[in-house]
Amino acid sequence: MTARDLAVGWADALDGAVAPTLTRDHIEVLLTEQVEQLLAALRGTIGPQAGKYAAEALVAANYRDPAVAGRTIPLICGDMARYLQITDPSTGDVVHDRSLLVAAEFATGFTAALRSVALSEQEATLAAALASAQEAERRRELSEARFEAVFAGASVGIGTVDTHGQVLEANAAFADMLGIEVAEMPGRAVAEVVGHANIGDAYQRMTQLLAGSIDRFRLELDHPRPDGTSTGIDLSMSAVRDHSGRVRFLIGVAVDVTERRELAARLWYDANHDELTGLPNRGHLFDRLAVATPPIGMAYLDLDGFKEVNDRWGHAVGDEVLRIVGARLRQTVTAAGGLAARLGGDEFIAVLERCTGAAELAMLSADVQTALTVPMEIQEWTIRIGASIGTVYLEDAPTAIDEAMQAADSAMYRNKTPRSRS
C-alpha cells in the first residue's frame, strides 16, 4: 500500500460530500499531497498542525459537508496509523498518540475554515445589502428593485427596523430562523417579535444604533423558537443614514449557525473521546488534570488476562470486552463523582477531584473491582476479567502531569502479580 492508495481510499470515503468542482483525478492528486503531509506528522517529522492544514485545503476545495470530518478522522486514527505501524515498525505505539493530536488539529481546522467561509459570505451579503439600501436613498426606483431581489432570494436572514424599533420588513429566511410566519413580523416591535426575554444584548446594541452612538454591531446569540427548538444566530446590524447623517432605519443580516455549532461540538467530542468505549481519551484527561481541584485521587487500571481474551476469542470479542469495561467503569466512577478515561489498549484511569483521602480511593478501587469481576456474556461465551489497580493521592495539583501518571502506573504494577501480567 502507498500514500496514493490511502488517498484513493480517502477519496472514496469522501464521495458525495463535495460539490462537483473537481474531477476525480484532481481530487486524488489533492488528497495524495495531504496524505504525505499527514503521514509525516504521524511519523513526527513535522508537527500535528498538518491536520489543520489538510482541513483548510479540503474546505478550500469545496469540501464543506460536516460528513467530511466524520469520514476523515477515522482514516487518520485508523488506516494511516496502521499503515505506518506496518511500513515503519519503529514508530511503535507512539503513532496512536500522534494520530489523536493530528485528528484534533484536523477537527479544529475544519471548524475554523467553515466558520471563515460562512463569515466571509455573511460580510459580503451585508455589504451588498447596505450598498443597495444606501442606493435606495439616492436612486429609489432602480435600487429598490435590486434590493428586493437580494432581500427575497437571500439564503441568510435580512430585516429592516425603523427608528421606533418596529420591524419594517423581513425575508423568509429570517422568519424561518425565528420560527414564525414572515407575515407576522412587519409593524411589530422587535422585542415583541423575538420575545422580551430572548432579545438580551441585541436590544441594548440596537438602542445604541438608533441613538447614533454606534454604527454597527455583531454578536452571536441563541434564540428559543416557539416549537421548543433553539436556533444559533450570528447577527450583524448596521444603521443606514441619510445625507445629513440622521439614522433612517436599521438593517440586519442573520446567519443560522446551528449546524456549525453542532458540528463543532461533534468534532470536539470525537477529538477528546475514545472511539471504542466513548470514554475521555488521554488528551482530554490531561486537560482536565491541568485544571483539577486538589486534593486529587488517581486510580490506574490495567486489565488482567486481556491478552488471553484476544488470543482465544479474537479482537472483535476483545473490543466488546473493552466496551463493557468502559461502560462499567463510567457508571462506577461517575457515581463516585469522578472521571473515567481510557489511556489506550487495556489501560484506564479514574480521577477524583476534592478527594478526601486514601480511604475514599480504596473504596473506589473496591467498587471498580466488584463491577469488573461480574462475568460478561459475549456471543455464546462467558468471559471473566479482572484488573490490577494502583492509586496515588495528591494533596496539591500536579505540576508535572506525566510524573503523576507514572506514579499511578508504578503503583498499579506493584499490585499486579507476575501471573496476571499481559
Protein backbone atom coordinates (compact mmCIF):
# COMPACT_ATOMS: atom_id res chain seq x y z
CA MET A 1 0.00 0.00 0.00
CA THR A 2 1.25 3.52 -0.85
CA ALA A 3 0.28 7.06 0.01
CA ARG A 4 -1.58 7.12 -3.30
CA ASP A 5 -3.62 4.08 -2.24
CA LEU A 6 -4.53 5.83 1.02
CA ALA A 7 -5.56 8.90 -0.97
CA VAL A 8 -7.80 6.79 -3.22
CA GLY A 9 -9.45 5.27 -0.16
CA TRP A 10 -9.90 8.75 1.28
CA ALA A 11 -11.46 9.96 -1.97
CA ASP A 12 -13.86 7.00 -1.88
CA ALA A 13 -14.84 7.85 1.69
CA LEU A 14 -15.50 11.50 0.75
CA ASP A 15 -17.52 10.61 -2.35
CA GLY A 16 -20.71 12.65 -2.37
CA ALA A 17 -19.50 15.15 0.23
CA VAL A 18 -18.25 17.78 -2.24
CA ALA A 19 -19.79 19.97 -4.93
CA PRO A 20 -18.72 18.85 -8.45
CA THR A 21 -15.98 21.46 -8.94
CA LEU A 22 -13.08 18.98 -9.10
CA THR A 23 -12.54 15.92 -11.26
CA ARG A 24 -11.73 12.60 -9.61
CA ASP A 25 -8.12 12.85 -10.83
CA HIS A 26 -7.73 16.31 -9.29
CA ILE A 27 -9.25 15.09 -6.03
CA GLU A 28 -6.81 12.18 -5.82
CA VAL A 29 -3.84 14.48 -6.53
CA LEU A 30 -5.01 16.86 -3.78
CA LEU A 31 -5.55 14.07 -1.27
CA THR A 32 -2.21 12.40 -2.10
CA GLU A 33 -0.43 15.63 -1.18
CA GLN A 34 -2.35 15.82 2.08
CA VAL A 35 -1.76 12.12 2.90
CA GLU A 36 2.00 12.64 2.56
CA GLN A 37 1.86 15.57 4.99
CA LEU A 38 -0.37 13.69 7.44
CA LEU A 39 1.95 10.66 7.38
CA ALA A 40 4.89 12.96 8.06
CA ALA A 41 3.01 14.32 11.08
CA LEU A 42 2.27 10.80 12.32
CA ARG A 43 5.97 9.95 11.97
CA GLY A 44 6.81 13.06 13.99
CA THR A 45 8.96 14.67 11.27
CA ILE A 46 6.59 17.65 11.17
CA GLY A 47 4.10 18.99 13.72
CA PRO A 48 0.47 17.90 14.20
CA GLN A 49 -0.60 21.18 12.55
CA ALA A 50 -0.54 19.20 9.31
CA GLY A 51 -4.06 18.11 10.29
CA LYS A 52 -5.20 21.74 10.39
CA TYR A 53 -3.60 22.50 7.02
CA ALA A 54 -5.26 19.43 5.47
CA ALA A 55 -8.67 20.59 6.75
CA GLU A 56 -8.13 24.06 5.29
CA ALA A 57 -7.15 22.55 1.94
CA LEU A 58 -10.32 20.43 1.85
CA VAL A 59 -12.58 23.38 2.68
CA ALA A 60 -10.81 25.48 0.03
CA ALA A 61 -11.56 22.66 -2.45
CA ASN A 62 -15.27 22.94 -1.54
CA TYR A 63 -15.40 20.01 0.88
CA ARG A 64 -17.83 21.71 3.28
CA ASP A 65 -20.20 18.93 4.28
CA PRO A 66 -19.99 18.01 8.01
CA ALA A 67 -19.60 14.40 6.89
CA VAL A 68 -16.07 15.24 5.68
CA ALA A 69 -14.74 15.41 9.23
CA GLY A 70 -16.61 12.31 10.34
CA ARG A 71 -15.11 10.33 7.44
CA THR A 72 -11.58 11.73 7.67
CA ILE A 73 -10.80 11.45 11.39
CA PRO A 74 -11.24 7.63 11.48
CA LEU A 75 -8.88 7.38 8.47
CA ILE A 76 -6.18 9.40 10.27
CA CYS A 77 -6.50 7.39 13.50
CA GLY A 78 -7.12 4.09 11.69
CA ASP A 79 -5.81 3.41 8.18
CA MET A 80 -2.95 5.93 8.21
CA ALA A 81 -1.76 4.96 11.70
CA ARG A 82 -1.89 1.24 10.83
CA TYR A 83 -0.06 1.93 7.54
CA LEU A 84 2.86 3.47 9.45
CA GLN A 85 2.89 0.69 12.06
CA ILE A 86 3.22 -1.83 9.21
CA THR A 87 5.67 0.07 6.98
CA ASP A 88 7.70 1.65 9.76
CA PRO A 89 7.54 -0.56 12.90
CA SER A 90 9.94 1.82 14.67
CA THR A 91 7.07 4.27 15.14
CA GLY A 92 5.55 1.86 17.68
CA ASP A 93 2.57 2.79 19.82
CA VAL A 94 3.50 6.49 19.75
CA VAL A 95 1.86 6.77 16.33
CA HIS A 96 -1.51 6.27 18.05
CA ASP A 97 -0.96 9.29 20.32
CA ARG A 98 0.25 11.36 17.39
CA SER A 99 -2.81 10.37 15.36
CA LEU A 100 -5.08 11.75 18.12
CA LEU A 101 -3.22 15.07 18.07
CA VAL A 102 -3.33 15.27 14.27
CA ALA A 103 -7.06 14.38 14.27
CA ALA A 104 -7.72 17.08 16.86
CA GLU A 105 -5.89 19.62 14.70
CA PHE A 106 -7.96 18.49 11.70
CA ALA A 107 -11.21 18.92 13.66
CA THR A 108 -10.20 22.39 14.87
CA GLY A 109 -9.01 23.48 11.43
CA PHE A 110 -12.12 22.17 9.68
CA THR A 111 -14.45 24.05 12.05
CA ALA A 112 -12.42 27.27 11.78
CA ALA A 113 -12.26 27.08 7.99
CA LEU A 114 -16.02 26.52 7.73
CA ARG A 115 -16.62 29.47 10.03
CA SER A 116 -14.30 31.68 7.98
CA VAL A 117 -16.15 30.80 4.78
CA ALA A 118 -19.54 31.43 6.39
CA LEU A 119 -18.43 34.77 7.84
CA SER A 120 -16.97 35.90 4.52
CA GLU A 121 -20.25 35.13 2.80
CA GLN A 122 -22.15 36.93 5.57
CA GLU A 123 -19.98 40.03 5.32
CA ALA A 124 -20.38 40.07 1.55
CA THR A 125 -24.15 39.79 1.89
CA LEU A 126 -24.26 42.58 4.48
CA ALA A 127 -22.10 44.83 2.29
CA ALA A 128 -24.35 44.20 -0.70
CA ALA A 129 -27.48 44.83 1.35
CA LEU A 130 -26.07 48.08 2.78
CA ALA A 131 -24.98 49.26 -0.64
CA SER A 132 -28.42 48.54 -2.03
CA ALA A 133 -30.13 50.30 0.90
CA GLN A 134 -27.98 53.41 0.55
CA GLU A 135 -28.55 53.48 -3.18
CA ALA A 136 -32.27 53.34 -2.46
CA GLU A 137 -31.99 56.75 -0.81
CA ARG A 138 -30.29 58.24 -3.85
CA ARG A 139 -31.97 56.44 -6.70
CA ARG A 140 -35.00 54.87 -5.16
CA GLU A 141 -36.79 53.18 -8.03
CA LEU A 142 -33.81 51.33 -9.51
CA SER A 143 -32.07 50.38 -6.30
CA GLU A 144 -35.25 49.27 -4.54
CA ALA A 145 -35.84 46.73 -7.27
CA ARG A 146 -32.31 45.41 -6.82
CA PHE A 147 -32.63 45.32 -3.06
CA GLU A 148 -35.92 43.44 -3.23
CA ALA A 149 -34.28 40.78 -5.40
CA VAL A 150 -31.44 40.32 -2.89
CA PHE A 151 -33.83 40.60 0.04
CA ALA A 152 -36.32 37.99 -1.09
CA GLY A 153 -33.91 35.42 -2.51
CA ALA A 154 -31.11 35.53 0.06
CA SER A 155 -30.34 32.35 1.99
CA VAL A 156 -29.37 34.47 5.00
CA GLY A 157 -31.91 36.36 7.07
CA ILE A 158 -32.36 40.07 6.26
CA GLY A 159 -34.59 42.50 8.12
CA THR A 160 -35.09 46.25 8.48
CA VAL A 161 -36.20 48.16 11.59
CA ASP A 162 -37.49 51.74 11.78
CA THR A 163 -36.28 54.39 14.21
CA HIS A 164 -39.00 53.42 16.69
CA GLY A 165 -37.76 49.85 16.94
CA GLN A 166 -40.53 48.35 14.82
CA VAL A 167 -39.93 45.81 12.06
CA LEU A 168 -40.34 47.25 8.58
CA GLU A 169 -39.61 44.14 6.56
CA ALA A 170 -38.10 40.69 6.99
CA ASN A 171 -37.43 37.94 4.49
CA ALA A 172 -38.47 34.31 4.69
CA ALA A 173 -35.03 33.13 5.79
CA PHE A 174 -35.14 35.39 8.86
CA ALA A 175 -38.66 34.25 9.73
CA ASP A 176 -37.58 30.59 9.46
CA MET A 177 -34.74 31.18 11.92
CA LEU A 178 -37.15 32.75 14.43
CA GLY A 179 -39.77 30.05 13.86
CA ILE A 180 -42.62 32.44 12.96
CA GLU A 181 -44.52 33.41 9.82
CA VAL A 182 -42.93 36.21 7.80
CA ALA A 183 -46.30 37.99 7.55
CA GLU A 184 -46.43 38.30 11.36
CA MET A 185 -43.29 40.46 11.60
CA PRO A 186 -43.85 43.86 9.87
CA GLY A 187 -45.33 46.61 12.06
CA ARG A 188 -44.46 44.90 15.36
CA ALA A 189 -41.79 45.89 17.86
CA VAL A 190 -38.61 43.85 17.66
CA ALA A 191 -38.90 42.85 21.32
CA GLU A 192 -42.44 41.61 20.68
CA VAL A 193 -41.39 39.57 17.65
CA VAL A 194 -38.49 37.74 19.29
CA GLY A 195 -39.72 37.90 22.90
CA HIS A 196 -38.57 40.30 25.61
CA ALA A 197 -36.77 37.54 27.49
CA ASN A 198 -34.80 36.46 24.40
CA ILE A 199 -33.54 39.72 22.96
CA GLY A 200 -30.84 40.37 25.58
CA ASP A 201 -27.71 42.20 24.41
CA ALA A 202 -29.09 42.61 20.89
CA TYR A 203 -31.77 45.01 22.12
CA GLN A 204 -29.24 47.15 24.01
CA ARG A 205 -26.99 47.33 20.94
CA MET A 206 -29.96 48.16 18.71
CA THR A 207 -30.88 51.02 21.05
CA GLN A 208 -27.33 52.38 20.69
CA LEU A 209 -27.66 52.16 16.91
CA LEU A 210 -30.89 54.14 16.96
CA ALA A 211 -29.33 56.73 19.27
CA GLY A 212 -26.39 57.09 16.87
CA SER A 213 -23.75 56.19 19.47
CA ILE A 214 -22.54 53.23 17.37
CA ASP A 215 -22.75 52.49 13.64
CA ARG A 216 -22.87 48.72 13.67
CA PHE A 217 -22.61 45.67 15.88
CA ARG A 218 -22.27 41.95 15.55
CA LEU A 219 -22.94 39.18 18.05
CA GLU A 220 -23.88 35.53 18.30
CA LEU A 221 -27.00 34.54 20.22
CA ASP A 222 -29.31 31.63 20.97
CA HIS A 223 -32.95 32.08 20.03
CA PRO A 224 -35.55 29.74 21.58
CA ARG A 225 -38.20 29.06 18.93
CA PRO A 226 -41.90 28.67 19.68
CA ASP A 227 -41.72 24.95 18.83
CA GLY A 228 -39.24 24.33 21.65
CA THR A 229 -36.11 24.09 19.47
CA SER A 230 -33.29 26.63 19.52
CA THR A 231 -31.51 28.45 16.70
CA GLY A 232 -27.94 29.74 16.90
CA ILE A 233 -27.87 33.09 15.09
CA ASP A 234 -24.87 35.19 14.04
CA LEU A 235 -26.41 38.67 13.79
CA SER A 236 -24.87 41.77 12.17
CA MET A 237 -26.80 45.05 12.27
CA SER A 238 -25.97 48.49 10.86
CA ALA A 239 -27.54 51.93 10.81
CA VAL A 240 -28.47 53.44 7.43
CA ARG A 241 -28.19 57.23 7.45
CA ASP A 242 -29.39 59.95 5.10
CA HIS A 243 -27.18 62.64 3.56
CA SER A 244 -27.37 64.70 6.78
CA GLY A 245 -26.19 61.80 8.94
CA ARG A 246 -29.55 61.13 10.55
CA VAL A 247 -30.44 57.46 11.15
CA ARG A 248 -33.22 56.49 8.76
CA PHE A 249 -33.53 52.79 9.58
CA LEU A 250 -31.53 49.76 10.67
CA ILE A 251 -30.68 46.74 8.57
CA GLY A 252 -29.73 43.37 9.99
CA VAL A 253 -28.25 40.24 8.43
CA ALA A 254 -28.53 36.93 10.28
CA VAL A 255 -26.82 33.60 9.60
CA ASP A 256 -28.12 30.34 11.07
CA VAL A 257 -25.05 28.82 12.77
CA THR A 258 -26.89 25.96 14.48
CA GLU A 259 -25.32 23.26 12.27
CA ARG A 260 -21.89 24.82 12.58
CA ARG A 261 -22.19 24.78 16.38
CA GLU A 262 -23.38 21.18 16.35
CA LEU A 263 -20.51 20.23 14.03
CA ALA A 264 -18.01 21.96 16.32
CA ALA A 265 -19.45 20.07 19.30
CA ARG A 266 -19.26 16.75 17.44
CA LEU A 267 -15.70 17.39 16.31
CA TRP A 268 -14.67 18.34 19.84
CA TYR A 269 -16.26 15.17 21.19
CA ASP A 270 -14.57 12.98 18.56
CA ALA A 271 -11.18 14.57 19.22
CA ASN A 272 -11.46 14.20 23.01
CA HIS A 273 -13.07 10.78 23.45
CA ASP A 274 -12.01 7.22 22.78
CA GLU A 275 -13.80 5.90 19.69
CA LEU A 276 -14.28 2.36 21.06
CA THR A 277 -15.51 2.99 24.61
CA GLY A 278 -16.73 6.59 24.42
CA LEU A 279 -14.65 7.46 27.49
CA PRO A 280 -12.47 10.60 27.58
CA ASN A 281 -9.10 9.94 25.93
CA ARG A 282 -5.58 10.74 27.12
CA GLY A 283 -5.61 14.30 25.74
CA HIS A 284 -8.93 15.12 27.41
CA LEU A 285 -7.72 13.59 30.68
CA PHE A 286 -4.55 15.71 30.67
CA ASP A 287 -6.62 18.85 30.03
CA ARG A 288 -8.87 18.01 32.99
CA LEU A 289 -5.92 17.24 35.28
CA ALA A 290 -4.35 20.59 34.41
CA VAL A 291 -7.33 22.41 35.98
CA ALA A 292 -8.42 19.82 38.55
CA THR A 293 -9.21 20.96 42.09
CA PRO A 294 -6.98 19.27 44.71
CA PRO A 295 -6.73 17.05 46.60
CA ILE A 296 -6.75 14.63 43.66
CA GLY A 297 -7.08 10.86 43.82
CA MET A 298 -5.94 8.74 40.85
CA ALA A 299 -6.60 5.06 40.26
CA TYR A 300 -4.66 3.45 37.39
CA LEU A 301 -6.20 0.24 35.97
CA ASP A 302 -4.70 -2.47 33.81
CA LEU A 303 -6.93 -5.41 32.82
CA ASP A 304 -5.72 -8.86 33.90
CA GLY A 305 -5.98 -11.60 31.28
CA PHE A 306 -6.99 -9.32 28.42
CA LYS A 307 -4.27 -10.63 26.11
CA GLU A 308 -5.61 -14.13 26.63
CA VAL A 309 -9.10 -12.94 25.62
CA ASN A 310 -7.74 -11.60 22.33
CA ASP A 311 -5.65 -14.72 21.73
CA ARG A 312 -8.51 -17.12 22.46
CA TRP A 313 -11.59 -15.38 21.05
CA GLY A 314 -10.19 -12.74 18.71
CA HIS A 315 -10.02 -8.96 18.64
CA ALA A 316 -13.74 -8.48 17.92
CA VAL A 317 -14.57 -10.10 21.28
CA GLY A 318 -11.69 -8.19 22.87
CA ASP A 319 -13.19 -4.92 21.62
CA GLU A 320 -16.56 -5.86 23.10
CA VAL A 321 -14.85 -6.60 26.43
CA LEU A 322 -13.30 -3.12 26.35
CA ARG A 323 -16.70 -1.55 25.60
CA ILE A 324 -18.29 -3.34 28.56
CA VAL A 325 -15.37 -2.41 30.82
CA GLY A 326 -15.69 1.21 29.70
CA ALA A 327 -19.42 1.27 30.44
CA ARG A 328 -18.99 -0.30 33.89
CA LEU A 329 -16.09 1.96 34.71
CA ARG A 330 -18.02 5.07 33.64
CA GLN A 331 -21.04 4.10 35.73
CA THR A 332 -19.00 3.27 38.85
CA VAL A 333 -16.64 6.25 38.74
CA THR A 334 -19.35 8.75 37.79
CA ALA A 335 -21.44 7.54 40.74
CA ALA A 336 -18.46 8.40 42.95
CA GLY A 337 -18.25 11.87 41.43
CA GLY A 338 -15.12 11.16 39.37
CA LEU A 339 -13.93 10.97 35.78
CA ALA A 340 -13.02 7.73 33.99
CA ALA A 341 -10.79 7.74 30.90
CA ARG A 342 -9.14 5.23 28.57
CA LEU A 343 -5.41 5.73 28.10
CA GLY A 344 -5.06 3.14 25.33
CA GLY A 345 -5.02 -0.62 24.96
CA ASP A 346 -6.37 -2.16 28.17
CA GLU A 347 -5.26 0.72 30.39
CA PHE A 348 -7.79 3.01 32.09
CA ILE A 349 -7.70 5.65 34.81
CA ALA A 350 -10.14 7.13 37.29
CA VAL A 351 -9.69 10.61 38.74
CA LEU A 352 -11.41 12.06 41.82
CA GLU A 353 -11.24 15.79 42.45
CA ARG A 354 -11.54 17.03 46.06
CA CYS A 355 -10.65 13.50 47.18
CA THR A 356 -10.94 13.03 50.94
CA GLY A 357 -8.01 10.64 51.18
CA ALA A 358 -6.74 7.07 50.81
CA ALA A 359 -9.93 5.59 52.25
CA GLU A 360 -12.08 7.10 49.54
CA LEU A 361 -9.63 5.88 46.88
CA ALA A 362 -9.65 2.38 48.37
CA MET A 363 -13.45 2.35 48.33
CA LEU A 364 -13.48 3.43 44.69
CA SER A 365 -10.94 0.72 43.78
CA ALA A 366 -13.04 -1.91 45.52
CA ASP A 367 -16.20 -0.76 43.73
CA VAL A 368 -14.40 -0.90 40.38
CA GLN A 369 -13.05 -4.38 41.10
CA THR A 370 -16.55 -5.55 42.03
CA ALA A 371 -18.04 -4.09 38.86
CA LEU A 372 -15.38 -5.59 36.59
CA THR A 373 -15.42 -9.09 38.05
CA VAL A 374 -19.07 -9.65 37.10
CA PRO A 375 -18.98 -12.22 34.24
CA MET A 376 -19.55 -10.89 30.72
CA GLU A 377 -21.87 -12.71 28.34
CA ILE A 378 -20.47 -12.12 24.85
CA GLN A 379 -21.90 -14.15 21.99
CA GLU A 380 -22.02 -17.73 23.31
CA TRP A 381 -19.14 -17.29 25.77
CA THR A 382 -18.98 -16.30 29.41
CA ILE A 383 -15.86 -14.21 29.98
CA ARG A 384 -14.37 -13.17 33.30
CA ILE A 385 -11.77 -10.48 33.61
CA GLY A 386 -10.15 -8.59 36.46
CA ALA A 387 -7.96 -5.57 36.90
CA SER A 388 -4.82 -4.52 38.71
CA ILE A 389 -5.29 -1.08 40.26
CA GLY A 390 -2.71 1.32 41.62
CA THR A 391 -3.69 4.51 43.45
CA VAL A 392 -1.98 7.84 44.06
CA TYR A 393 -3.24 10.61 46.36
CA LEU A 394 -2.09 14.15 45.58
CA GLU A 395 -2.75 16.87 48.13
CA ASP A 396 -1.66 19.56 45.67
CA ALA A 397 -2.35 19.97 41.96
CA PRO A 398 0.30 18.11 39.94
CA THR A 399 3.00 20.36 38.48
CA ALA A 400 4.06 17.59 36.08
CA ILE A 401 1.10 15.52 34.94
CA ASP A 402 3.33 12.90 33.29
CA GLU A 403 5.06 12.26 36.62
CA ALA A 404 1.71 11.83 38.40
CA MET A 405 0.62 9.35 35.73
CA GLN A 406 3.88 7.44 36.02
CA ALA A 407 3.48 7.23 39.79
CA ALA A 408 -0.04 5.79 39.41
CA ASP A 409 1.23 3.35 36.77
CA SER A 410 4.04 2.18 39.09
CA ALA A 411 1.57 1.72 41.92
CA MET A 412 -0.58 -0.43 39.66
CA TYR A 413 2.33 -2.68 38.67
CA ARG A 414 3.23 -3.22 42.30
CA ASN A 415 -0.27 -4.66 42.76
CA LYS A 416 -0.12 -6.79 39.59
CA THR A 417 1.02 -10.39 40.12
CA PRO A 418 3.53 -11.85 37.67
CA ARG A 419 0.93 -14.41 36.66
CA SER A 420 -1.57 -11.76 35.58
CA ARG A 421 0.78 -9.51 33.65
CA SER A 422 -0.04 -9.23 29.94
